[in-house]
Amino acid sequence: LPSGADVPTGWEGQELVLNMASESLRSLFTPGGTYTLSLLVDGNAGPSISLRAPSKPTGGSCVTTPAVATELVDTITCNCAGWSADELPMTYSVRVEGGQWSSPSFRGDMSVLLLEGSFQIEGRVTDAAGGSAVTPPQGLTVVPMAVTTGNNTVGASALDALENVLTTMGGTGNAAGLISAAAMIAGGLEANPNAGGGGNSTARRRLLASSAAYRMR
């Protein structure tokens, strides 16, 4: 049954307000279905109104590229496009299947920061009334970067990739993502300031531990 937050004015007040952003309340309606609300006065039918339950976003897709990426070198992007909804604006989120969703963004192209491993990436589109659509998971493989003598090439590529990801997060207003990414970078530098030679593996493991928000396992 709907809670007090779902019907903030109550069922017996002079005004009836339905919080259609509530998932529990929306679950009582078929998206796009038409319903009639009737007022009963002393058991007798009174005025009634018709309403249409809002539909969840439809018609689009969320595509993650590339399918195979090199950690901290390639930019991984989940792009959601072609969506429409009754209640605007729409927001977009991305996650590794089974993990936590990223902060909502008004832009459909979202950067993802992941280290070595195999992942299933999902996109979610949410309308202004709280209706959401989740796209089927897409496979993504992240391979380790190639280490060169002194690790100079790796260091430059990693810094370029991190700069691109952080710039995108800042442009989309993803404050939570920026904070988590900053913590990940700081953790990696603290683990191994030189980030070279045999310490590279240790640094990656420390980066892995501090970037849980992005691995979202």
N, C-alpha and C. Protein backbone atom coordinates (compact mmCIF):
# COMPACT_ATOMS: atom_id res chain seq x y z
N LEU A 1 0.83 -1.19 0.00
CA LEU A 1 0.00 0.00 0.00
C LEU A 1 0.88 1.25 0.00
N PRO A 2 0.39 2.35 -0.60
CA PRO A 2 1.16 3.59 -0.60
C PRO A 2 1.39 4.09 0.82
N SER A 3 2.57 4.69 1.04
CA SER A 3 2.90 5.26 2.34
C SER A 3 2.45 6.71 2.40
N GLY A 4 2.65 7.33 3.57
CA GLY A 4 2.29 8.73 3.71
C GLY A 4 3.06 9.63 2.77
N ALA A 5 4.31 9.27 2.47
CA ALA A 5 5.11 10.07 1.54
C ALA A 5 4.59 9.97 0.11
N ASP A 6 3.92 8.85 -0.20
CA ASP A 6 3.37 8.66 -1.54
C ASP A 6 2.14 9.53 -1.76
N VAL A 7 1.37 9.74 -0.69
CA VAL A 7 0.14 10.56 -0.75
C VAL A 7 0.26 11.60 0.36
N PRO A 8 1.06 12.65 0.16
CA PRO A 8 1.38 13.59 1.25
C PRO A 8 0.19 14.32 1.85
N THR A 9 -0.89 14.52 1.10
CA THR A 9 -2.07 15.21 1.65
C THR A 9 -3.07 14.25 2.26
N GLY A 10 -2.78 12.93 2.20
CA GLY A 10 -3.69 11.95 2.77
C GLY A 10 -4.85 11.64 1.84
N TRP A 11 -5.60 10.58 2.21
CA TRP A 11 -6.72 10.14 1.39
C TRP A 11 -8.02 10.85 1.74
N GLU A 12 -8.04 11.55 2.85
CA GLU A 12 -9.30 12.15 3.31
C GLU A 12 -9.25 13.67 3.32
N GLY A 13 -8.23 14.27 2.76
CA GLY A 13 -8.13 15.71 2.74
C GLY A 13 -8.91 16.33 1.59
N GLN A 14 -8.91 17.66 1.55
CA GLN A 14 -9.61 18.37 0.49
C GLN A 14 -8.82 18.33 -0.82
N GLU A 15 -7.57 17.97 -0.74
CA GLU A 15 -6.72 17.91 -1.92
C GLU A 15 -6.01 16.57 -1.95
N LEU A 16 -5.96 15.95 -3.12
CA LEU A 16 -5.28 14.67 -3.28
C LEU A 16 -4.02 14.87 -4.12
N VAL A 17 -2.89 14.51 -3.55
CA VAL A 17 -1.61 14.63 -4.24
C VAL A 17 -0.96 13.25 -4.29
N LEU A 18 -0.61 12.80 -5.49
CA LEU A 18 0.07 11.52 -5.66
C LEU A 18 1.51 11.80 -6.07
N ASN A 19 2.44 11.28 -5.29
CA ASN A 19 3.86 11.45 -5.57
C ASN A 19 4.31 10.39 -6.57
N MET A 20 4.20 10.71 -7.86
CA MET A 20 4.50 9.72 -8.89
C MET A 20 6.00 9.47 -9.06
N ALA A 21 6.84 10.20 -8.31
CA ALA A 21 8.27 9.90 -8.31
C ALA A 21 8.58 8.72 -7.41
N SER A 22 7.59 8.27 -6.62
CA SER A 22 7.79 7.14 -5.72
C SER A 22 7.69 5.83 -6.50
N GLU A 23 8.71 4.98 -6.39
CA GLU A 23 8.70 3.71 -7.12
C GLU A 23 7.57 2.80 -6.64
N SER A 24 7.29 2.81 -5.33
CA SER A 24 6.23 1.95 -4.80
C SER A 24 4.87 2.38 -5.33
N LEU A 25 4.66 3.68 -5.47
CA LEU A 25 3.38 4.16 -6.00
C LEU A 25 3.27 3.90 -7.50
N ARG A 26 4.35 4.13 -8.22
CA ARG A 26 4.33 3.90 -9.66
C ARG A 26 4.09 2.44 -9.99
N SER A 27 4.53 1.55 -9.10
CA SER A 27 4.37 0.12 -9.36
C SER A 27 2.91 -0.30 -9.37
N LEU A 28 2.02 0.54 -8.82
CA LEU A 28 0.59 0.23 -8.81
C LEU A 28 -0.07 0.56 -10.14
N PHE A 29 0.64 1.27 -11.00
CA PHE A 29 0.08 1.70 -12.28
C PHE A 29 0.85 1.07 -13.44
N THR A 30 0.15 0.85 -14.53
CA THR A 30 0.79 0.42 -15.77
C THR A 30 1.26 1.65 -16.52
N PRO A 31 2.56 1.76 -16.85
CA PRO A 31 3.04 2.95 -17.55
C PRO A 31 2.22 3.25 -18.79
N GLY A 32 1.75 4.49 -18.89
CA GLY A 32 0.94 4.91 -20.02
C GLY A 32 -0.52 4.55 -19.91
N GLY A 33 -0.91 3.81 -18.85
CA GLY A 33 -2.30 3.42 -18.68
C GLY A 33 -3.18 4.57 -18.20
N THR A 34 -4.47 4.50 -18.46
CA THR A 34 -5.43 5.53 -18.06
C THR A 34 -6.25 5.03 -16.87
N TYR A 35 -6.42 5.88 -15.87
CA TYR A 35 -7.12 5.50 -14.65
C TYR A 35 -8.12 6.59 -14.27
N THR A 36 -9.13 6.19 -13.51
CA THR A 36 -10.15 7.12 -13.03
C THR A 36 -10.14 7.14 -11.52
N LEU A 37 -10.04 8.33 -10.95
CA LEU A 37 -10.12 8.52 -9.51
C LEU A 37 -11.48 9.11 -9.18
N SER A 38 -12.22 8.43 -8.31
CA SER A 38 -13.57 8.88 -7.95
C SER A 38 -13.63 9.25 -6.48
N LEU A 39 -14.39 10.29 -6.17
CA LEU A 39 -14.60 10.72 -4.81
C LEU A 39 -15.90 10.11 -4.29
N LEU A 40 -15.80 9.44 -3.15
CA LEU A 40 -16.99 8.86 -2.53
C LEU A 40 -17.42 9.74 -1.35
N VAL A 41 -18.68 10.14 -1.35
CA VAL A 41 -19.24 10.96 -0.28
C VAL A 41 -20.31 10.14 0.42
N ASP A 42 -20.00 9.76 1.68
CA ASP A 42 -20.93 8.91 2.44
C ASP A 42 -21.31 7.66 1.66
N GLY A 43 -20.32 7.11 0.96
CA GLY A 43 -20.54 5.87 0.22
C GLY A 43 -21.13 6.07 -1.15
N ASN A 44 -21.48 7.29 -1.50
CA ASN A 44 -22.07 7.57 -2.80
C ASN A 44 -21.02 8.16 -3.74
N ALA A 45 -21.08 7.76 -5.01
CA ALA A 45 -20.12 8.23 -5.99
C ALA A 45 -20.25 9.73 -6.21
N GLY A 46 -19.12 10.41 -6.19
CA GLY A 46 -19.10 11.85 -6.43
C GLY A 46 -18.29 12.17 -7.67
N PRO A 47 -17.65 13.33 -7.68
CA PRO A 47 -16.86 13.73 -8.84
C PRO A 47 -15.71 12.75 -9.10
N SER A 48 -15.28 12.69 -10.33
CA SER A 48 -14.16 11.82 -10.70
C SER A 48 -13.28 12.52 -11.73
N ILE A 49 -12.04 12.11 -11.79
CA ILE A 49 -11.12 12.65 -12.78
C ILE A 49 -10.36 11.48 -13.41
N SER A 50 -9.92 11.68 -14.63
CA SER A 50 -9.12 10.67 -15.32
C SER A 50 -7.67 11.13 -15.38
N LEU A 51 -6.77 10.20 -15.25
CA LEU A 51 -5.36 10.52 -15.37
C LEU A 51 -4.63 9.40 -16.11
N ARG A 52 -3.53 9.76 -16.69
CA ARG A 52 -2.71 8.78 -17.39
C ARG A 52 -1.39 8.62 -16.65
N ALA A 53 -1.07 7.41 -16.30
CA ALA A 53 0.18 7.15 -15.59
C ALA A 53 1.36 7.45 -16.52
N PRO A 54 2.37 8.16 -16.01
CA PRO A 54 3.51 8.49 -16.88
C PRO A 54 4.26 7.24 -17.33
N SER A 55 4.73 7.28 -18.56
CA SER A 55 5.52 6.17 -19.09
C SER A 55 6.99 6.36 -18.72
N LYS A 56 7.72 5.27 -18.66
CA LYS A 56 9.15 5.38 -18.44
C LYS A 56 9.83 5.73 -19.76
N PRO A 57 11.05 6.23 -19.73
CA PRO A 57 11.74 6.59 -20.97
C PRO A 57 11.81 5.40 -21.94
N THR A 58 11.66 5.69 -23.21
CA THR A 58 11.65 4.64 -24.23
C THR A 58 12.42 5.08 -25.46
N GLY A 59 12.70 4.11 -26.34
CA GLY A 59 13.16 4.39 -27.69
C GLY A 59 14.65 4.56 -27.89
N GLY A 60 15.44 4.54 -26.83
CA GLY A 60 16.86 4.81 -27.01
C GLY A 60 17.74 3.63 -26.67
N SER A 61 19.02 3.88 -26.59
CA SER A 61 20.00 2.85 -26.25
C SER A 61 21.15 3.49 -25.49
N CYS A 62 21.92 2.66 -24.80
CA CYS A 62 23.15 3.09 -24.14
C CYS A 62 24.26 2.16 -24.62
N VAL A 63 25.25 2.72 -25.27
CA VAL A 63 26.32 1.93 -25.87
C VAL A 63 27.65 2.28 -25.21
N THR A 64 28.36 1.25 -24.75
CA THR A 64 29.66 1.44 -24.12
C THR A 64 30.77 1.11 -25.11
N THR A 65 31.72 2.02 -25.27
CA THR A 65 32.85 1.82 -26.18
C THR A 65 34.14 2.24 -25.50
N PRO A 66 35.26 1.63 -25.87
CA PRO A 66 35.38 0.46 -26.75
C PRO A 66 35.05 -0.82 -26.00
N ALA A 67 34.91 -1.92 -26.73
CA ALA A 67 34.62 -3.20 -26.09
C ALA A 67 35.85 -3.75 -25.37
N VAL A 68 37.03 -3.39 -25.87
CA VAL A 68 38.30 -3.75 -25.23
C VAL A 68 39.10 -2.47 -25.04
N ALA A 69 39.49 -2.18 -23.80
CA ALA A 69 40.19 -0.94 -23.50
C ALA A 69 41.45 -1.22 -22.69
N THR A 70 42.43 -0.34 -22.82
CA THR A 70 43.65 -0.43 -22.02
C THR A 70 43.50 0.46 -20.80
N GLU A 71 43.76 -0.10 -19.62
CA GLU A 71 43.53 0.64 -18.38
C GLU A 71 44.35 1.93 -18.34
N LEU A 72 43.67 3.02 -17.91
CA LEU A 72 44.28 4.33 -17.74
C LEU A 72 44.90 4.90 -19.02
N VAL A 73 44.55 4.33 -20.16
CA VAL A 73 45.02 4.84 -21.44
C VAL A 73 43.83 5.18 -22.33
N ASP A 74 42.96 4.20 -22.57
CA ASP A 74 41.78 4.43 -23.40
C ASP A 74 40.65 5.07 -22.59
N THR A 75 39.92 5.97 -23.22
CA THR A 75 38.75 6.58 -22.60
C THR A 75 37.54 5.67 -22.82
N ILE A 76 36.95 5.21 -21.73
CA ILE A 76 35.76 4.35 -21.79
C ILE A 76 34.53 5.23 -21.63
N THR A 77 33.60 5.14 -22.57
CA THR A 77 32.42 6.00 -22.55
C THR A 77 31.16 5.19 -22.73
N CYS A 78 30.16 5.50 -21.91
CA CYS A 78 28.81 4.96 -22.08
C CYS A 78 27.95 6.09 -22.63
N ASN A 79 27.46 5.93 -23.84
CA ASN A 79 26.68 6.97 -24.50
C ASN A 79 25.22 6.56 -24.63
N CYS A 80 24.34 7.32 -24.00
CA CYS A 80 22.89 7.07 -24.06
C CYS A 80 22.26 8.11 -24.98
N ALA A 81 21.57 7.66 -26.01
CA ALA A 81 21.00 8.57 -27.00
C ALA A 81 19.69 8.01 -27.55
N GLY A 82 18.88 8.91 -28.10
CA GLY A 82 17.64 8.50 -28.76
C GLY A 82 16.46 8.27 -27.83
N TRP A 83 16.56 8.71 -26.56
CA TRP A 83 15.49 8.46 -25.60
C TRP A 83 14.43 9.56 -25.62
N SER A 84 13.21 9.18 -25.29
CA SER A 84 12.11 10.14 -25.15
C SER A 84 11.32 9.80 -23.89
N ALA A 85 10.68 10.81 -23.31
CA ALA A 85 9.92 10.60 -22.08
C ALA A 85 8.82 11.63 -21.97
N ASP A 86 7.76 11.28 -21.24
CA ASP A 86 6.66 12.21 -21.01
C ASP A 86 7.07 13.34 -20.07
N GLU A 87 7.89 12.99 -19.08
CA GLU A 87 8.28 13.95 -18.06
C GLU A 87 9.76 14.31 -18.23
N LEU A 88 10.01 15.54 -18.64
CA LEU A 88 11.38 16.00 -18.87
C LEU A 88 11.82 16.94 -17.74
N PRO A 89 13.13 17.07 -17.48
CA PRO A 89 14.23 16.52 -18.25
C PRO A 89 14.56 15.09 -17.84
N MET A 90 15.40 14.44 -18.63
CA MET A 90 15.88 13.10 -18.31
C MET A 90 17.32 13.19 -17.78
N THR A 91 17.67 12.24 -16.92
CA THR A 91 19.05 12.14 -16.44
C THR A 91 19.59 10.75 -16.76
N TYR A 92 20.90 10.63 -16.75
CA TYR A 92 21.55 9.39 -17.17
C TYR A 92 22.57 8.94 -16.12
N SER A 93 22.66 7.63 -15.94
CA SER A 93 23.62 7.04 -15.01
C SER A 93 24.21 5.79 -15.63
N VAL A 94 25.36 5.37 -15.11
CA VAL A 94 26.04 4.17 -15.59
C VAL A 94 26.58 3.40 -14.40
N ARG A 95 26.71 2.08 -14.55
CA ARG A 95 27.28 1.27 -13.47
C ARG A 95 27.81 -0.04 -14.04
N VAL A 96 28.67 -0.67 -13.25
CA VAL A 96 29.01 -2.06 -13.51
C VAL A 96 27.89 -2.90 -12.93
N GLU A 97 27.39 -3.87 -13.69
CA GLU A 97 26.23 -4.66 -13.29
C GLU A 97 26.36 -5.16 -11.85
N GLY A 98 25.31 -4.90 -11.06
CA GLY A 98 25.29 -5.33 -9.67
C GLY A 98 25.89 -4.32 -8.71
N GLY A 99 26.49 -3.25 -9.23
CA GLY A 99 27.11 -2.24 -8.38
C GLY A 99 26.22 -1.02 -8.21
N GLN A 100 26.83 0.08 -7.78
CA GLN A 100 26.10 1.31 -7.54
C GLN A 100 26.09 2.17 -8.80
N TRP A 101 25.01 2.92 -8.96
CA TRP A 101 24.88 3.81 -10.11
C TRP A 101 25.73 5.05 -9.90
N SER A 102 26.26 5.60 -10.98
CA SER A 102 26.98 6.86 -10.92
C SER A 102 26.00 8.00 -10.64
N SER A 103 26.53 9.15 -10.28
CA SER A 103 25.67 10.31 -10.03
C SER A 103 24.92 10.67 -11.31
N PRO A 104 23.63 11.05 -11.21
CA PRO A 104 22.86 11.39 -12.41
C PRO A 104 23.49 12.55 -13.17
N SER A 105 23.46 12.46 -14.48
CA SER A 105 24.00 13.50 -15.34
C SER A 105 22.95 13.88 -16.37
N PHE A 106 22.91 15.16 -16.73
CA PHE A 106 21.99 15.60 -17.77
C PHE A 106 22.55 15.33 -19.16
N ARG A 107 23.80 14.91 -19.23
CA ARG A 107 24.41 14.56 -20.51
C ARG A 107 24.42 13.05 -20.66
N GLY A 108 24.18 12.59 -21.88
CA GLY A 108 24.09 11.15 -22.11
C GLY A 108 25.41 10.45 -22.30
N ASP A 109 26.50 11.21 -22.47
CA ASP A 109 27.81 10.57 -22.64
C ASP A 109 28.57 10.63 -21.32
N MET A 110 28.85 9.46 -20.75
CA MET A 110 29.45 9.37 -19.42
C MET A 110 30.75 8.59 -19.47
N SER A 111 31.79 9.17 -18.90
CA SER A 111 33.09 8.49 -18.85
C SER A 111 33.13 7.53 -17.68
N VAL A 112 33.81 6.41 -17.89
CA VAL A 112 33.93 5.37 -16.86
C VAL A 112 35.42 5.11 -16.63
N LEU A 113 35.83 5.09 -15.37
CA LEU A 113 37.23 4.83 -15.03
C LEU A 113 37.33 3.45 -14.40
N LEU A 114 37.99 2.52 -15.10
CA LEU A 114 38.11 1.14 -14.63
C LEU A 114 39.54 0.65 -14.80
N LEU A 115 39.94 -0.26 -13.93
CA LEU A 115 41.24 -0.90 -14.06
C LEU A 115 41.06 -2.29 -14.68
N GLU A 116 42.12 -3.05 -14.74
CA GLU A 116 42.12 -4.35 -15.42
C GLU A 116 41.01 -5.27 -14.94
N GLY A 117 40.32 -5.92 -15.88
CA GLY A 117 39.27 -6.86 -15.52
C GLY A 117 38.21 -6.96 -16.60
N SER A 118 37.23 -7.82 -16.37
CA SER A 118 36.09 -7.98 -17.28
C SER A 118 34.84 -7.48 -16.57
N PHE A 119 34.02 -6.70 -17.28
CA PHE A 119 32.88 -6.04 -16.65
C PHE A 119 31.65 -6.13 -17.56
N GLN A 120 30.48 -5.99 -16.94
CA GLN A 120 29.22 -5.83 -17.64
C GLN A 120 28.70 -4.44 -17.30
N ILE A 121 28.56 -3.59 -18.31
CA ILE A 121 28.19 -2.20 -18.10
C ILE A 121 26.72 -1.98 -18.43
N GLU A 122 26.00 -1.30 -17.54
CA GLU A 122 24.59 -0.97 -17.75
C GLU A 122 24.40 0.55 -17.76
N GLY A 123 23.45 1.00 -18.55
CA GLY A 123 23.06 2.40 -18.55
C GLY A 123 21.63 2.53 -18.02
N ARG A 124 21.35 3.66 -17.38
CA ARG A 124 20.00 3.90 -16.86
C ARG A 124 19.57 5.31 -17.24
N VAL A 125 18.32 5.42 -17.70
CA VAL A 125 17.74 6.70 -18.07
C VAL A 125 16.53 6.94 -17.17
N THR A 126 16.47 8.10 -16.53
CA THR A 126 15.40 8.41 -15.57
C THR A 126 14.72 9.70 -15.97
N ASP A 127 13.37 9.70 -15.96
CA ASP A 127 12.65 10.93 -16.28
C ASP A 127 12.40 11.75 -15.02
N ALA A 128 11.81 12.94 -15.20
CA ALA A 128 11.62 13.86 -14.09
C ALA A 128 10.63 13.35 -13.06
N ALA A 129 9.78 12.40 -13.43
CA ALA A 129 8.80 11.84 -12.50
C ALA A 129 9.33 10.60 -11.79
N GLY A 130 10.56 10.20 -12.08
CA GLY A 130 11.14 9.05 -11.40
C GLY A 130 11.09 7.75 -12.17
N GLY A 131 10.41 7.74 -13.33
CA GLY A 131 10.38 6.52 -14.13
C GLY A 131 11.75 6.26 -14.76
N SER A 132 12.18 5.02 -14.77
CA SER A 132 13.52 4.73 -15.29
C SER A 132 13.52 3.49 -16.17
N ALA A 133 14.46 3.47 -17.10
CA ALA A 133 14.69 2.32 -17.97
C ALA A 133 16.16 1.95 -17.88
N VAL A 134 16.43 0.66 -17.71
CA VAL A 134 17.80 0.15 -17.62
C VAL A 134 18.10 -0.66 -18.87
N THR A 135 19.23 -0.38 -19.49
CA THR A 135 19.58 -1.07 -20.73
C THR A 135 20.27 -2.40 -20.44
N PRO A 136 20.20 -3.34 -21.37
CA PRO A 136 20.87 -4.63 -21.18
C PRO A 136 22.37 -4.43 -20.98
N PRO A 137 23.00 -5.24 -20.14
CA PRO A 137 24.44 -5.09 -19.89
C PRO A 137 25.26 -5.40 -21.13
N GLN A 138 26.36 -4.68 -21.28
CA GLN A 138 27.29 -4.89 -22.39
C GLN A 138 28.65 -5.29 -21.83
N GLY A 139 29.28 -6.26 -22.46
CA GLY A 139 30.57 -6.74 -22.00
C GLY A 139 31.70 -5.76 -22.30
N LEU A 140 32.59 -5.61 -21.35
CA LEU A 140 33.75 -4.73 -21.51
C LEU A 140 34.97 -5.41 -20.88
N THR A 141 36.06 -5.45 -21.60
CA THR A 141 37.31 -6.02 -21.09
C THR A 141 38.36 -4.92 -21.01
N VAL A 142 38.96 -4.77 -19.84
CA VAL A 142 40.03 -3.79 -19.65
C VAL A 142 41.33 -4.56 -19.46
N VAL A 143 42.28 -4.30 -20.34
CA VAL A 143 43.57 -5.01 -20.29
C VAL A 143 44.62 -4.10 -19.66
N PRO A 144 45.66 -4.69 -19.05
CA PRO A 144 46.71 -3.87 -18.43
C PRO A 144 47.50 -3.11 -19.47
N MET A 145 48.01 -1.94 -19.07
CA MET A 145 48.83 -1.17 -20.00
C MET A 145 50.21 -1.78 -20.11
N ALA A 146 50.83 -1.62 -21.27
CA ALA A 146 52.17 -2.16 -21.51
C ALA A 146 53.20 -1.29 -20.80
N VAL A 147 54.09 -1.92 -20.07
CA VAL A 147 55.11 -1.20 -19.32
C VAL A 147 56.38 -1.09 -20.16
N THR A 148 56.93 0.12 -20.28
CA THR A 148 58.18 0.33 -21.00
C THR A 148 59.29 0.64 -20.01
N THR A 149 60.50 0.70 -20.50
CA THR A 149 61.65 0.96 -19.62
C THR A 149 61.47 2.30 -18.92
N GLY A 150 61.53 2.28 -17.60
CA GLY A 150 61.34 3.50 -16.83
C GLY A 150 59.90 3.90 -16.68
N ASN A 151 59.01 3.24 -17.42
CA ASN A 151 57.57 3.48 -17.31
C ASN A 151 57.16 4.89 -17.74
N ASN A 152 58.03 5.59 -18.53
CA ASN A 152 57.73 6.95 -18.92
C ASN A 152 56.53 7.02 -19.85
N THR A 153 56.48 6.10 -20.83
CA THR A 153 55.36 6.11 -21.77
C THR A 153 54.05 5.86 -21.07
N VAL A 154 54.05 4.91 -20.15
CA VAL A 154 52.83 4.60 -19.41
C VAL A 154 52.38 5.78 -18.59
N GLY A 155 53.33 6.45 -17.92
CA GLY A 155 52.97 7.59 -17.08
C GLY A 155 52.31 8.69 -17.87
N ALA A 156 52.85 9.03 -19.04
CA ALA A 156 52.28 10.09 -19.86
C ALA A 156 50.89 9.72 -20.34
N SER A 157 50.71 8.48 -20.80
CA SER A 157 49.40 8.04 -21.29
C SER A 157 48.37 8.06 -20.17
N ALA A 158 48.78 7.60 -18.99
CA ALA A 158 47.86 7.56 -17.86
C ALA A 158 47.41 8.96 -17.48
N LEU A 159 48.35 9.92 -17.45
CA LEU A 159 47.99 11.29 -17.08
C LEU A 159 47.04 11.89 -18.11
N ASP A 160 47.29 11.64 -19.40
CA ASP A 160 46.40 12.16 -20.44
C ASP A 160 45.00 11.59 -20.29
N ALA A 161 44.91 10.28 -20.03
CA ALA A 161 43.60 9.63 -19.89
C ALA A 161 42.86 10.16 -18.67
N LEU A 162 43.58 10.31 -17.56
CA LEU A 162 42.96 10.82 -16.34
C LEU A 162 42.46 12.25 -16.55
N GLU A 163 43.25 13.06 -17.25
CA GLU A 163 42.83 14.44 -17.51
C GLU A 163 41.53 14.47 -18.32
N ASN A 164 41.43 13.61 -19.33
CA ASN A 164 40.21 13.56 -20.15
C ASN A 164 39.00 13.14 -19.33
N VAL A 165 39.18 12.11 -18.49
CA VAL A 165 38.06 11.63 -17.67
C VAL A 165 37.61 12.69 -16.69
N LEU A 166 38.55 13.33 -16.00
CA LEU A 166 38.20 14.33 -15.00
C LEU A 166 37.55 15.55 -15.65
N THR A 167 38.02 15.94 -16.83
CA THR A 167 37.42 17.06 -17.54
C THR A 167 35.97 16.77 -17.90
N THR A 168 35.71 15.54 -18.37
CA THR A 168 34.34 15.15 -18.72
C THR A 168 33.45 15.13 -17.49
N MET A 169 33.95 14.59 -16.39
CA MET A 169 33.16 14.55 -15.16
C MET A 169 32.83 15.96 -14.68
N GLY A 170 33.80 16.87 -14.78
CA GLY A 170 33.53 18.24 -14.38
C GLY A 170 32.49 18.89 -15.26
N GLY A 171 32.54 18.61 -16.56
CA GLY A 171 31.57 19.19 -17.48
C GLY A 171 30.16 18.68 -17.29
N THR A 172 30.02 17.46 -16.77
CA THR A 172 28.69 16.89 -16.55
C THR A 172 28.18 17.13 -15.14
N GLY A 173 28.96 17.83 -14.32
CA GLY A 173 28.52 18.10 -12.95
C GLY A 173 28.57 16.89 -12.05
N ASN A 174 29.39 15.91 -12.40
CA ASN A 174 29.47 14.68 -11.61
C ASN A 174 30.44 14.89 -10.45
N ALA A 175 29.97 15.62 -9.41
CA ALA A 175 30.82 15.96 -8.28
C ALA A 175 31.27 14.72 -7.53
N ALA A 176 30.36 13.77 -7.34
CA ALA A 176 30.73 12.55 -6.62
C ALA A 176 31.81 11.78 -7.37
N GLY A 177 31.70 11.75 -8.68
CA GLY A 177 32.71 11.08 -9.47
C GLY A 177 34.06 11.76 -9.38
N LEU A 178 34.06 13.10 -9.38
CA LEU A 178 35.31 13.83 -9.25
C LEU A 178 36.00 13.55 -7.93
N ILE A 179 35.21 13.53 -6.85
CA ILE A 179 35.78 13.27 -5.52
C ILE A 179 36.38 11.87 -5.46
N SER A 180 35.65 10.88 -5.98
CA SER A 180 36.15 9.51 -5.95
C SER A 180 37.39 9.35 -6.81
N ALA A 181 37.40 10.00 -7.99
CA ALA A 181 38.56 9.91 -8.86
C ALA A 181 39.77 10.57 -8.23
N ALA A 182 39.56 11.72 -7.58
CA ALA A 182 40.66 12.41 -6.91
C ALA A 182 41.25 11.54 -5.81
N ALA A 183 40.37 10.86 -5.07
CA ALA A 183 40.84 9.97 -4.01
C ALA A 183 41.63 8.81 -4.58
N MET A 184 41.18 8.30 -5.74
CA MET A 184 41.88 7.20 -6.38
C MET A 184 43.28 7.61 -6.82
N ILE A 185 43.39 8.80 -7.43
CA ILE A 185 44.68 9.28 -7.90
C ILE A 185 45.62 9.52 -6.72
N ALA A 186 45.09 10.17 -5.67
CA ALA A 186 45.91 10.45 -4.49
C ALA A 186 46.40 9.16 -3.85
N GLY A 187 45.52 8.16 -3.81
CA GLY A 187 45.90 6.88 -3.23
C GLY A 187 47.01 6.21 -4.02
N GLY A 188 46.93 6.32 -5.35
CA GLY A 188 47.95 5.72 -6.18
C GLY A 188 49.30 6.41 -6.03
N LEU A 189 49.29 7.75 -5.95
CA LEU A 189 50.54 8.48 -5.78
C LEU A 189 51.16 8.21 -4.42
N GLU A 190 50.30 8.09 -3.40
CA GLU A 190 50.80 7.81 -2.07
C GLU A 190 51.41 6.41 -2.00
N ALA A 191 50.81 5.48 -2.75
CA ALA A 191 51.31 4.10 -2.73
C ALA A 191 52.68 4.01 -3.37
N ASN A 192 52.91 4.79 -4.43
CA ASN A 192 54.20 4.71 -5.13
C ASN A 192 54.44 6.02 -5.87
N PRO A 193 55.10 7.00 -5.25
CA PRO A 193 55.29 8.31 -5.87
C PRO A 193 56.01 8.24 -7.21
N ASN A 194 56.96 7.28 -7.36
CA ASN A 194 57.72 7.19 -8.60
C ASN A 194 56.98 6.44 -9.68
N ALA A 195 56.07 5.55 -9.28
CA ALA A 195 55.24 4.76 -10.22
C ALA A 195 56.07 4.15 -11.33
N GLY A 196 57.20 3.57 -10.99
CA GLY A 196 58.06 3.01 -12.02
C GLY A 196 58.60 1.66 -11.63
N GLY A 197 59.15 0.94 -12.59
CA GLY A 197 59.81 -0.32 -12.34
C GLY A 197 58.91 -1.32 -11.68
N GLY A 198 59.49 -2.06 -10.71
CA GLY A 198 58.76 -3.15 -10.07
C GLY A 198 57.65 -2.68 -9.18
N GLY A 199 57.60 -1.35 -8.86
CA GLY A 199 56.53 -0.87 -7.98
C GLY A 199 55.23 -0.67 -8.70
N ASN A 200 55.21 -0.80 -10.04
CA ASN A 200 54.00 -0.51 -10.79
C ASN A 200 52.86 -1.42 -10.40
N SER A 201 53.12 -2.70 -10.18
CA SER A 201 52.08 -3.65 -9.79
C SER A 201 51.48 -3.27 -8.45
N THR A 202 52.34 -2.87 -7.49
CA THR A 202 51.84 -2.46 -6.18
C THR A 202 50.96 -1.23 -6.29
N ALA A 203 51.40 -0.27 -7.10
CA ALA A 203 50.62 0.95 -7.27
C ALA A 203 49.25 0.63 -7.84
N ARG A 204 49.19 -0.30 -8.82
CA ARG A 204 47.90 -0.64 -9.42
C ARG A 204 46.98 -1.28 -8.40
N ARG A 205 47.54 -2.10 -7.51
CA ARG A 205 46.70 -2.74 -6.51
C ARG A 205 46.14 -1.71 -5.53
N ARG A 206 46.97 -0.70 -5.17
CA ARG A 206 46.49 0.36 -4.28
C ARG A 206 45.44 1.21 -4.99
N LEU A 207 45.67 1.47 -6.27
CA LEU A 207 44.67 2.20 -7.05
C LEU A 207 43.36 1.43 -7.10
N LEU A 208 43.46 0.12 -7.25
CA LEU A 208 42.27 -0.73 -7.30
C LEU A 208 41.48 -0.61 -6.01
N ALA A 209 42.16 -0.64 -4.89
CA ALA A 209 41.47 -0.58 -3.60
C ALA A 209 40.80 0.76 -3.39
N SER A 210 41.42 1.84 -3.86
CA SER A 210 40.87 3.17 -3.63
C SER A 210 39.87 3.59 -4.69
N SER A 211 39.67 2.79 -5.73
CA SER A 211 38.74 3.16 -6.80
C SER A 211 37.51 2.27 -6.81
N ALA A 212 37.07 1.84 -5.64
CA ALA A 212 35.92 0.94 -5.56
C ALA A 212 34.67 1.55 -6.16
N ALA A 213 34.56 2.87 -6.09
CA ALA A 213 33.37 3.52 -6.63
C ALA A 213 33.28 3.35 -8.13
N TYR A 214 34.40 3.12 -8.79
CA TYR A 214 34.38 2.96 -10.24
C TYR A 214 34.33 1.50 -10.65
N ARG A 215 34.98 0.63 -9.87
CA ARG A 215 34.88 -0.80 -10.19
C ARG A 215 33.48 -1.31 -9.85
N MET A 216 32.91 -0.80 -8.72
CA MET A 216 31.53 -1.10 -8.31
C MET A 216 31.23 -2.58 -8.37
N ARG A 217 32.10 -3.42 -7.81
CA ARG A 217 31.88 -4.86 -7.84
C ARG A 217 30.94 -5.26 -6.72
